[in-house]
Every structure is written in C-alpha cells, then in structure tokens.
C-alpha cells in the first residue's frame, strides 16, 4: 500500500526535477528589479551580516528600492542603515503575508533566511523573482524560481561573505574580501544626550556584553571580573554591563563580586535595541562573544573585540567581528569535544586570558588619548 502523503511527496520531487531541468537556462538569465524585499526574520547578528550584501545591491542599482522584512526587535538597528529604504516588521503585517505582497509593488524577494511560510507566500502572491538557496531546503527548490546553490557548512567564507551568493541572479558573482566588508556598512545613528551625560564622568567607557542568549560560546564571567580588577589601575576607565533583563538578573545572582567593583555598572534590561545601539556607538569600545551586539558594534565602526572558540561552526572564520576597528581573539586548538559541549563556556574560552584582553583595551585607551 502506498500512503497518500508519500505518493504526493514522490510526485512533487519528480515534478521538481523536471522543472529544474527545463528552467536551468532561464534561472541563469540576469534579472532586473524595481523593489527588492529581503527576508531576514532571525537574530540581530544575522541581520547585521546581511547588510553588506544589501549595500552592494544599492551601489549597483541605486534606483532600486530595497526593503527588509525582519522581526520587530531587530528593526531599530536596521532603520539606522542608510542602504535600506524601508523596514517592515513581520509583526506589523495584520493580514496574510500573501495579501501584503500582492498589494505591494515588490517584484523580487531574497530569502536570506529560510522560512517556509514566507517563501510559500511569495510563491502564492506570484512575486516575479524569488531568490533562495536550493541546497538548504527542499521547499526552496519548489517555491523559488531564481535558485542559487551553496553550502554554508563547507565554506571557509565569513557569514557576511556567504550572503553575497544571493546576488548571482543579478550577474554579481564576485565575493568581496573580508577586508572589504567594513566599507559596505553605512549607518546614521543619532546622538543621545542622556547617554553622553552617563559617559561624561569617565575618560574611557567600555561596554561588556557578557552573555549571548545561547547564540555564542561565552567568555567566563570570572574573567570579566579579573579584567575589571586590572582596569582599576587605569583611572577613568569604566565597564558597563549590557544585556537583557533576564541576563541582568543572572548577573545579580551569579556575579556579585563583579557587580560590587567600583568601576562596573550593570545596565542590563534598561535599554531598547535602539538605545543599546546608540549606547555602543557613543562608548569607547565593546567586548563580547559571538552575539548580536558584537556585530552591531563592529558594523558601526566602534572599537570591538570579539572572543571566540576555534571550533566550527562557532569559529571566527565564520563569525568574527568585521569592522574598521574590530579585532578578535581565540586560541588555536579547541578543547576535547568542544562542538558538543552544551554549557555556555568551555576550556577554549577560559584559555583566552584576562591579561590578553586587558592588553587590547589598554591599547584602545592609549589610542583614544592620542586622538584627543
């Protein structure tokens, strides 16, 4: 007996193969767009690392409108990017996405993050060009008609470079070098006078985003404490601990010694993403593991230090902070079973010493002093 669901799947796969064969020549014809919508409904760091690809599109097609569909919590920082013409919050679409697309003038969608429902809506709304990575999901092979094929897991490229593969349907095949990525970030971030007031009492304001909400391997909290103790010897240097309210509570319960130091202030849970972005922008430097605020900091040109394990897929080869003043630290050899470790930190991160991080921060302090 052939079960209906399996029979249907078999028919769909056969149809997809025939459709792929007949459309292969069509798929490589260079396309033109008047309004592009980029789907990026995942984490802040992933959204940030898509912006260089958008900047390249804007450079080559300055008259084309480029919109980004993202979640509400990520929207504020995307609105600061001058290459994006419109930011659409997924939560703001009151009806169906299909109806929203049909009523718009969007003629191209780039599925930068796989999402079955959104991709199907683009297909149902008959968006003219639907660009997606056919190697990621079977439904992308079916619903996208401008298919690209690439593997992230096998690539040695940075995430920001990998996103340029979505531009192949436009005839853009060159992947920029890592050194070119920082110049593709363009932001206009307003100055917040209240933040200036907060910072005015200190000569050097260092933002430390100690937690990662599970999105990166974390530097041990005890190392942040040792760093703060080392920085006490440098008068006027102050550490500001940022993060969510939940992360702030964790610090209160697990890092009392760090919070009790005179050169440390915990501001977790007190800022929106827009305020955090301005806070990072107006500070003098940021330290974090591979999490969203790290990539925000690097992208907006702040002094940034990323702390990473050397293990794929968390390694700096894929997720390093890329910016005009960004640096990264990691040890060469991973700890045993590093990839399978489920704890927030590991021996790889513990081996990045507070003294090594302090050396970088000391160089930043000197750099600011010379600049002033």
Protein backbone atom coordinates (compact mmCIF):
# COMPACT_ATOMS: atom_id res chain seq x y z
CA UNK A 1 0.00 0.00 0.00
CA UNK A 2 1.32 3.46 -0.92
CA UNK A 3 0.37 6.05 1.66
CA UNK A 4 -1.05 9.25 0.11
CA UNK A 5 1.46 11.57 1.80
CA UNK A 6 4.42 9.60 0.43
CA UNK A 7 2.87 9.35 -3.01
CA UNK A 8 2.35 13.11 -3.05
CA UNK A 9 5.94 13.72 -1.94
CA UNK A 10 7.25 11.41 -4.67
CA UNK A 11 5.21 13.25 -7.30
CA UNK A 12 6.44 16.61 -6.04
CA UNK A 13 10.09 15.50 -6.16
CA UNK A 14 9.65 14.20 -9.71
CA UNK A 15 7.95 17.45 -10.69
CA UNK A 16 10.74 19.49 -9.11
CA UNK A 17 13.41 17.61 -11.03
CA UNK A 18 11.62 18.11 -14.37
CA UNK A 19 11.01 21.77 -13.53
CA UNK A 20 14.65 22.27 -12.61
CA UNK A 21 15.86 20.73 -15.87
CA UNK A 22 13.55 22.83 -18.02
CA UNK A 23 14.25 26.06 -16.17
CA UNK A 24 18.04 25.81 -15.82
CA UNK A 25 18.75 28.19 -18.72
CA UNK A 26 16.07 30.63 -17.52
CA UNK A 27 17.50 30.55 -13.99
CA UNK A 28 20.85 31.97 -15.13
CA UNK A 29 19.44 34.92 -17.05
CA UNK A 30 20.38 38.19 -15.34
CA UNK A 31 17.36 39.76 -13.67
CA UNK A 32 16.29 43.34 -13.01
CA UNK A 33 14.26 44.53 -10.04
CA UNK A 34 12.43 47.70 -9.10
CA UNK A 35 11.62 46.75 -5.48
CA UNK A 36 13.51 44.04 -3.59
CA UNK A 37 12.34 42.61 -0.28
CA UNK A 38 14.98 40.78 1.77
CA UNK A 39 13.63 38.21 4.25
CA UNK A 40 15.73 38.19 7.44
CA UNK A 41 13.50 37.25 10.35
CA UNK A 42 16.11 35.68 12.64
CA UNK A 43 18.70 37.08 15.07
CA UNK A 44 20.23 40.55 15.18
CA UNK A 45 23.72 39.40 14.29
CA UNK A 46 22.45 37.52 11.22
CA UNK A 47 20.52 40.60 10.13
CA UNK A 48 23.60 42.83 10.52
CA UNK A 49 25.73 40.45 8.45
CA UNK A 50 23.21 40.69 5.59
CA UNK A 51 23.60 44.47 5.28
CA UNK A 52 26.87 44.42 3.26
CA UNK A 53 25.10 42.38 0.58
CA UNK A 54 22.29 44.94 0.56
CA UNK A 55 24.85 47.76 0.30
CA UNK A 56 26.37 46.14 -2.79
CA UNK A 57 22.92 45.89 -4.38
CA UNK A 58 22.35 49.58 -3.64
CA UNK A 59 25.70 50.53 -5.14
CA UNK A 60 24.98 48.73 -8.40
CA UNK A 61 21.25 49.52 -8.59
CA UNK A 62 20.84 52.89 -6.83
CA UNK A 63 17.33 53.44 -8.22
CA UNK A 64 16.04 50.11 -6.92
CA UNK A 65 14.04 50.23 -3.70
CA UNK A 66 15.33 47.78 -1.09
CA UNK A 67 13.20 46.76 1.88
CA UNK A 68 13.96 44.38 4.73
CA UNK A 69 11.39 42.18 6.41
CA UNK A 70 12.55 41.43 9.96
CA UNK A 71 11.18 40.96 13.44
CA UNK A 72 10.22 43.99 15.49
CA UNK A 73 13.04 43.58 17.98
CA UNK A 74 15.69 43.81 15.23
CA UNK A 75 14.02 46.62 13.26
CA UNK A 76 15.51 49.64 15.10
CA UNK A 77 19.11 48.91 14.15
CA UNK A 78 18.14 48.13 10.53
CA UNK A 79 16.43 51.52 10.32
CA UNK A 80 19.79 53.15 11.09
CA UNK A 81 21.24 51.58 7.91
CA UNK A 82 21.14 54.12 5.08
CA UNK A 83 21.17 51.42 2.37
CA UNK A 84 17.74 50.17 3.43
CA UNK A 85 14.81 52.19 2.08
CA UNK A 86 12.10 50.59 4.20
CA UNK A 87 11.98 48.29 7.21
CA UNK A 88 8.89 46.10 7.51
CA UNK A 89 8.26 44.44 10.85
CA UNK A 90 6.81 40.96 10.43
CA UNK A 91 4.53 41.54 13.40
CA UNK A 92 3.06 44.66 11.76
CA UNK A 93 1.51 42.69 8.88
CA UNK A 94 -2.08 42.39 10.07
CA UNK A 95 -3.45 40.15 7.32
CA UNK A 96 -1.71 37.36 5.47
CA UNK A 97 1.79 37.86 4.08
CA UNK A 98 0.44 36.69 0.73
CA UNK A 99 -2.10 39.54 0.62
CA UNK A 100 0.51 42.03 1.79
CA UNK A 101 2.81 41.03 -1.05
CA UNK A 102 0.04 41.04 -3.67
CA UNK A 103 -0.94 44.58 -2.69
CA UNK A 104 2.66 45.82 -2.81
CA UNK A 105 4.91 46.75 -5.74
CA UNK A 106 7.55 44.21 -4.67
CA UNK A 107 8.81 42.27 -7.68
CA UNK A 108 11.71 40.39 -6.03
CA UNK A 109 12.23 38.60 -2.74
CA UNK A 110 15.56 37.33 -1.42
CA UNK A 111 15.05 34.53 1.08
CA UNK A 112 18.24 35.22 3.05
CA UNK A 113 16.94 33.11 5.93
CA UNK A 114 14.85 30.02 5.11
CA UNK A 115 11.24 30.41 6.17
CA UNK A 116 8.72 28.05 4.64
CA UNK A 117 5.63 30.18 5.29
CA UNK A 118 7.18 33.38 3.93
CA UNK A 119 8.61 31.63 0.88
CA UNK A 120 5.30 29.94 0.12
CA UNK A 121 3.53 33.30 0.46
CA UNK A 122 5.90 34.78 -2.13
CA UNK A 123 5.10 31.91 -4.49
CA UNK A 124 1.34 32.23 -3.92
CA UNK A 125 1.48 36.01 -4.41
CA UNK A 126 3.27 35.40 -7.74
CA UNK A 127 6.26 37.58 -6.95
CA UNK A 128 8.18 37.72 -10.21
CA UNK A 129 11.65 36.86 -8.87
CA UNK A 130 12.07 34.61 -5.82
CA UNK A 131 15.72 34.08 -4.90
CA UNK A 132 16.64 31.30 -2.48
CA UNK A 133 19.37 28.77 -1.73
CA UNK A 134 18.08 25.50 -3.16
CA UNK A 135 20.66 23.50 -1.19
CA UNK A 136 19.18 24.49 2.16
CA UNK A 137 15.58 23.27 1.99
CA UNK A 138 13.51 21.26 -0.48
CA UNK A 139 10.71 23.83 -0.39
CA UNK A 140 13.16 26.49 -1.62
CA UNK A 141 13.71 24.38 -4.72
CA UNK A 142 9.95 24.35 -5.30
CA UNK A 143 8.91 27.88 -4.35
CA UNK A 144 11.92 29.84 -5.66
CA UNK A 145 12.42 30.40 -9.37
CA UNK A 146 15.82 32.14 -9.15
CA UNK A 147 17.74 29.47 -7.33
CA UNK A 148 21.29 29.70 -6.10
CA UNK A 149 23.17 26.77 -4.60
CA UNK A 150 25.84 26.98 -1.94
CA UNK A 151 26.80 25.24 1.28
CA UNK A 152 27.50 27.25 4.42
CA UNK A 153 28.87 24.29 6.34
CA UNK A 154 31.59 23.57 3.79
CA UNK A 155 32.52 27.19 3.15
CA UNK A 156 35.59 28.94 4.54
CA UNK A 157 33.93 32.30 3.95
CA UNK A 158 32.59 34.60 6.64
CA UNK A 159 28.81 34.75 7.07
CA UNK A 160 28.81 38.27 5.61
CA UNK A 161 30.62 36.97 2.52
CA UNK A 162 28.36 33.94 2.15
CA UNK A 163 25.32 36.20 1.78
CA UNK A 164 26.73 37.58 -1.48
CA UNK A 165 25.83 34.29 -3.16
CA UNK A 166 22.23 35.53 -3.26
CA UNK A 167 23.30 38.15 -5.83
CA UNK A 168 24.16 35.66 -8.58
CA UNK A 169 20.81 36.13 -10.38
CA UNK A 170 21.87 39.77 -10.92
CA UNK A 171 25.09 38.66 -12.57
CA UNK A 172 27.09 39.56 -9.46
CA UNK A 173 29.38 36.61 -8.80
CA UNK A 174 32.34 38.23 -7.02
CA UNK A 175 32.59 37.63 -3.27
CA UNK A 176 34.30 40.58 -1.55
CA UNK A 177 37.37 40.01 0.57
CA UNK A 178 36.88 40.24 4.34
CA UNK A 179 38.84 43.47 4.33
CA UNK A 180 36.21 44.99 2.02
CA UNK A 181 33.22 44.21 4.25
CA UNK A 182 33.62 47.15 6.72
CA UNK A 183 33.35 49.70 3.92
CA UNK A 184 29.94 48.27 3.00
CA UNK A 185 28.35 49.28 6.31
CA UNK A 186 26.57 52.65 6.27
CA UNK A 187 24.73 53.92 9.33
CA UNK A 188 23.24 57.15 10.57
CA UNK A 189 22.82 56.87 14.35
CA UNK A 190 21.51 59.92 16.23
CA UNK A 191 23.38 61.09 19.32
CA UNK A 192 21.57 60.55 22.63
CA UNK A 193 22.29 63.38 25.07
CA UNK A 194 21.33 61.25 28.09
CA UNK A 195 23.98 58.71 27.16
CA UNK A 196 26.55 61.47 26.80
CA UNK A 197 25.66 62.56 30.31
CA UNK A 198 26.13 58.99 31.60
CA UNK A 199 29.54 58.75 29.99
CA UNK A 200 30.77 62.24 30.86
CA UNK A 201 32.21 61.24 34.25
CA UNK A 202 34.67 58.77 32.74
CA UNK A 203 37.63 59.02 30.39
CA UNK A 204 37.01 55.64 28.77
CA UNK A 205 33.65 53.86 28.64
CA UNK A 206 33.90 50.14 27.91
CA UNK A 207 30.76 48.15 27.07
CA UNK A 208 30.87 44.47 28.02
CA UNK A 209 28.07 42.27 26.69
CA UNK A 210 28.82 39.31 28.92
CA UNK A 211 26.05 36.91 27.88
CA UNK A 212 24.90 35.62 24.48
CA UNK A 213 21.35 34.35 24.99
CA UNK A 214 22.62 30.99 23.80
CA UNK A 215 23.88 32.35 20.47
CA UNK A 216 27.61 32.13 21.18
CA UNK A 217 30.18 30.48 23.42
CA UNK A 218 30.74 32.89 26.32
CA UNK A 219 33.88 34.22 27.97
CA UNK A 220 33.75 33.18 31.66
CA UNK A 221 32.19 35.76 33.97
CA UNK A 222 35.17 35.37 36.31
CA UNK A 223 37.42 36.60 33.52
CA UNK A 224 35.32 39.78 33.20
CA UNK A 225 35.82 40.27 36.93
CA UNK A 226 39.60 39.89 36.58
CA UNK A 227 39.56 42.32 33.65
CA UNK A 228 37.67 44.88 35.74
CA UNK A 229 40.19 44.48 38.55
CA UNK A 230 43.06 45.06 36.12
CA UNK A 231 41.35 48.19 34.79
CA UNK A 232 41.04 49.70 38.26
CA UNK A 233 44.70 50.66 37.84
CA UNK A 234 43.70 52.85 34.88
CA UNK A 235 41.72 55.74 36.39
CA UNK A 236 38.70 56.95 34.49
CA UNK A 237 38.01 53.60 32.82
CA UNK A 238 34.51 52.28 33.46
CA UNK A 239 32.85 49.00 32.48
CA UNK A 240 29.17 48.98 31.53
CA UNK A 241 27.49 45.56 31.50
CA UNK A 242 24.72 45.34 28.89
CA UNK A 243 22.19 42.63 28.11
CA UNK A 244 18.58 41.63 28.61
CA UNK A 245 16.70 41.89 31.90
CA UNK A 246 17.00 38.10 32.26
CA UNK A 247 20.75 38.32 31.78
CA UNK A 248 20.93 41.17 34.29
CA UNK A 249 19.16 39.02 36.86
CA UNK A 250 21.61 36.20 36.16
CA UNK A 251 24.49 38.58 36.85
CA UNK A 252 22.90 39.68 40.12
CA UNK A 253 22.62 36.06 41.21
CA UNK A 254 25.96 34.79 39.92
CA UNK A 255 28.39 37.71 39.60
CA UNK A 256 28.09 39.74 42.80
CA UNK A 257 31.85 40.20 43.07
CA UNK A 258 31.95 41.70 39.59
CA UNK A 259 28.97 43.98 40.23
CA UNK A 260 30.45 45.20 43.52
CA UNK A 261 33.56 46.63 41.88
CA UNK A 262 33.66 50.46 41.79
CA UNK A 263 34.39 50.64 38.06
CA UNK A 264 31.45 48.46 36.98
CA UNK A 265 27.80 49.36 36.32
CA UNK A 266 25.07 46.90 35.34
CA UNK A 267 22.59 48.42 32.84
CA UNK A 268 21.08 45.11 31.67
CA UNK A 269 17.39 45.33 30.87
CA UNK A 270 17.27 49.13 30.84
CA UNK A 271 17.65 49.72 27.09
CA UNK A 272 15.75 49.09 23.88
CA UNK A 273 17.78 47.92 20.89
CA UNK A 274 17.79 51.49 19.53
CA UNK A 275 19.13 52.76 22.85
CA UNK A 276 21.69 49.96 23.07
CA UNK A 277 22.92 50.77 19.56
CA UNK A 278 23.35 54.44 20.50
CA UNK A 279 24.99 53.38 23.78
CA UNK A 280 27.55 51.26 21.90
CA UNK A 281 28.06 53.99 19.31
CA UNK A 282 28.80 56.67 21.92
CA UNK A 283 31.00 54.46 24.09
CA UNK A 284 34.72 53.93 23.51
CA UNK A 285 34.83 50.17 22.96
CA UNK A 286 32.96 46.87 23.30
CA UNK A 287 33.87 43.33 24.29
CA UNK A 288 31.59 40.37 23.60
CA UNK A 289 31.50 36.81 22.33
CA UNK A 290 29.80 35.90 19.04
CA UNK A 291 26.47 37.61 19.64
CA UNK A 292 24.35 40.32 18.01
CA UNK A 293 25.74 43.39 19.83
CA UNK A 294 29.27 42.33 18.82
CA UNK A 295 28.33 42.58 15.14
CA UNK A 296 26.42 45.81 15.71
CA UNK A 297 29.48 47.33 17.35
CA UNK A 298 31.86 46.23 14.60
CA UNK A 299 29.48 47.34 11.83
CA UNK A 300 29.05 50.88 13.19
CA UNK A 301 32.81 51.35 13.44
CA UNK A 302 33.27 51.07 17.20
CA UNK A 303 36.42 49.63 18.79
CA UNK A 304 35.34 45.99 19.08
CA UNK A 305 36.88 42.84 20.47
CA UNK A 306 35.25 39.50 19.65
CA UNK A 307 36.09 36.44 21.76
CA UNK A 308 35.67 33.05 20.08
CA UNK A 309 36.35 29.33 20.31
CA UNK A 310 38.24 27.88 17.32
CA UNK A 311 35.62 25.18 16.74
CA UNK A 312 33.28 25.05 13.74
CA UNK A 313 30.61 26.33 13.32
CA UNK A 314 31.24 28.89 16.11
CA UNK A 315 34.73 29.82 14.93
CA UNK A 316 35.86 33.33 13.93
CA UNK A 317 36.34 32.18 10.35
CA UNK A 318 32.55 32.26 10.09
CA UNK A 319 31.52 34.78 12.76
CA UNK A 320 34.42 37.16 13.50
CA UNK A 321 33.64 40.81 14.17
CA UNK A 322 34.31 42.68 10.90
CA UNK A 323 34.67 46.43 11.17
CA UNK A 324 37.08 49.29 10.66
CA UNK A 325 38.18 48.99 14.31
CA UNK A 326 37.30 45.38 15.04
CA UNK A 327 39.64 42.74 16.47
CA UNK A 328 39.16 39.12 17.52
CA UNK A 329 40.83 36.77 19.98
CA UNK A 330 40.79 32.97 20.03
CA UNK A 331 43.13 30.10 20.84
CA UNK A 332 44.36 27.83 18.07
CA UNK A 333 43.36 24.41 19.41
CA UNK A 334 39.85 23.51 20.53
CA UNK A 335 39.11 21.66 23.74
CA UNK A 336 38.10 17.96 23.55
CA UNK A 337 34.50 17.56 22.37
CA UNK A 338 34.11 21.33 22.11
CA UNK A 339 31.42 21.21 19.45
CA UNK A 340 29.16 19.02 21.62
CA UNK A 341 29.59 20.98 24.85
CA UNK A 342 26.24 22.43 25.94
CA UNK A 343 27.47 24.75 28.70
CA UNK A 344 27.73 28.49 27.93
CA UNK A 345 31.52 28.46 28.23
CA UNK A 346 34.30 25.94 27.65
CA UNK A 347 38.05 25.48 28.08
CA UNK A 348 38.67 27.23 24.74
CA UNK A 349 37.13 30.43 26.09
CA UNK A 350 38.75 30.05 29.51
CA UNK A 351 42.16 29.99 27.83
CA UNK A 352 41.61 33.50 26.45
CA UNK A 353 43.19 35.24 29.41
CA UNK A 354 42.04 38.48 31.08
CA UNK A 355 45.60 39.74 30.56
CA UNK A 356 45.30 39.28 26.78
CA UNK A 357 42.02 41.19 26.70
CA UNK A 358 43.43 43.86 29.02
CA UNK A 359 46.31 44.37 26.59
CA UNK A 360 43.85 45.17 23.81
CA UNK A 361 41.79 47.52 26.00
CA UNK A 362 44.95 49.31 27.15
CA UNK A 363 45.85 49.91 23.50
CA UNK A 364 42.35 51.34 22.95
CA UNK A 365 42.74 53.68 25.92
CA UNK A 366 46.08 54.87 24.54
CA UNK A 367 44.55 55.30 21.08
CA UNK A 368 41.76 57.49 22.46
CA UNK A 369 44.23 59.53 24.48
CA UNK A 370 46.33 60.20 21.38
CA UNK A 371 43.23 61.04 19.32
CA UNK A 372 42.12 63.57 21.90
